Amino acid sequence: MEGNTWKKYLEGYETVRHLSREEKETIPAFAALRELWMIGLHAEVMEKNAGCCWYQDDYFDYQLKVFRQWLNRCGLLSE
């Protein structure tokens, strides 16, 4: 993982519960899956609310960009 904010967050988390090396290595994969889950969650909301102006190509372009970044961090995709 990258960034000072992430390092501080992880340090704080580990004052409560230490993560194993394996757990830390799986974080990018879970973050990538979270992106897909969020897209699905938003799709469900759109169905219930009859659409929304922000749920368009720009939304998907951004969400898929984030998804690809996480896959890249997992070593599953090279950019």
Protein backbone atom coordinates (compact mmCIF):
# COMPACT_ATOMS: atom_id res chain seq x y z
CA MET A 1 0.00 0.00 0.00
CA GLU A 2 1.09 3.52 -0.59
CA GLY A 3 0.81 6.93 0.95
CA ASN A 4 1.31 8.49 4.34
CA THR A 5 -2.41 8.55 5.12
CA TRP A 6 -2.65 4.80 4.53
CA LYS A 7 0.42 4.13 6.69
CA LYS A 8 -1.03 6.19 9.55
CA TYR A 9 -4.40 4.46 9.20
CA LEU A 10 -2.76 1.03 9.32
CA GLU A 11 -0.62 2.00 12.30
CA GLY A 12 -3.72 3.15 14.17
CA TYR A 13 -5.63 -0.01 13.27
CA GLU A 14 -2.78 -2.18 14.48
CA THR A 15 -2.83 -0.57 17.91
CA VAL A 16 -6.10 -2.50 18.31
CA ARG A 17 -5.41 -5.62 16.22
CA HIS A 18 -2.21 -6.69 14.52
CA LEU A 19 -2.57 -7.86 10.91
CA SER A 20 -0.53 -10.76 9.62
CA ARG A 21 1.58 -10.42 6.49
CA GLU A 22 -1.01 -12.46 4.59
CA GLU A 23 -3.84 -10.17 5.72
CA LYS A 24 -1.93 -7.09 4.62
CA GLU A 25 -1.19 -8.68 1.25
CA THR A 26 -4.89 -9.33 0.61
CA ILE A 27 -6.04 -5.75 1.26
CA PRO A 28 -5.65 -4.63 -2.39
CA ALA A 29 -7.75 -7.57 -3.60
CA PHE A 30 -10.53 -6.75 -1.14
CA ALA A 31 -10.34 -3.07 -2.11
CA ALA A 32 -10.74 -4.04 -5.79
CA LEU A 33 -13.76 -6.19 -4.97
CA ARG A 34 -15.21 -3.33 -2.94
CA GLU A 35 -15.19 -1.16 -6.05
CA LEU A 36 -17.25 -3.73 -7.94
CA TRP A 37 -19.61 -4.10 -4.97
CA MET A 38 -20.09 -0.33 -4.84
CA ILE A 39 -20.96 -0.16 -8.55
CA GLY A 40 -23.57 -2.85 -7.96
CA LEU A 41 -24.91 -1.05 -4.90
CA HIS A 42 -25.27 2.15 -6.88
CA ALA A 43 -27.02 0.24 -9.69
CA GLU A 44 -29.56 -1.06 -7.18
CA VAL A 45 -30.19 2.46 -5.88
CA MET A 46 -30.66 3.75 -9.44
CA GLU A 47 -33.24 1.04 -10.11
CA LYS A 48 -35.18 2.01 -6.99
CA ASN A 49 -34.94 5.76 -7.63
CA ALA A 50 -35.55 5.72 -11.39
CA GLY A 51 -32.08 6.91 -12.33
CA CYS A 52 -29.76 9.74 -11.50
CA CYS A 53 -27.68 12.22 -13.44
CA TRP A 54 -24.29 11.10 -12.03
CA TYR A 55 -24.68 7.41 -12.92
CA GLN A 56 -23.32 7.75 -16.45
CA ASP A 57 -20.17 7.07 -18.46
CA ASP A 58 -17.96 9.37 -16.36
CA TYR A 59 -18.99 7.50 -13.22
CA PHE A 60 -18.10 4.13 -14.75
CA ASP A 61 -14.85 5.45 -16.23
CA TYR A 62 -13.73 6.64 -12.81
CA GLN A 63 -14.86 3.53 -10.89
CA LEU A 64 -13.22 1.19 -13.39
CA LYS A 65 -10.03 3.25 -13.23
CA VAL A 66 -9.93 2.78 -9.45
CA PHE A 67 -10.72 -0.93 -9.87
CA ARG A 68 -7.83 -1.33 -12.30
CA GLN A 69 -5.47 0.50 -9.93
CA TRP A 70 -6.30 -1.96 -7.15
CA LEU A 71 -5.88 -4.92 -9.52
CA ASN A 72 -2.50 -3.51 -10.49
CA ARG A 73 -1.51 -3.32 -6.81
CA CYS A 74 -2.48 -7.00 -6.51
CA GLY A 75 -0.22 -7.84 -9.42
CA LEU A 76 -3.23 -9.00 -11.43
CA LEU A 77 -3.09 -6.23 -14.02
CA SER A 78 -0.30 -4.15 -15.43
CA GLU A 79 -1.11 -0.60 -16.52
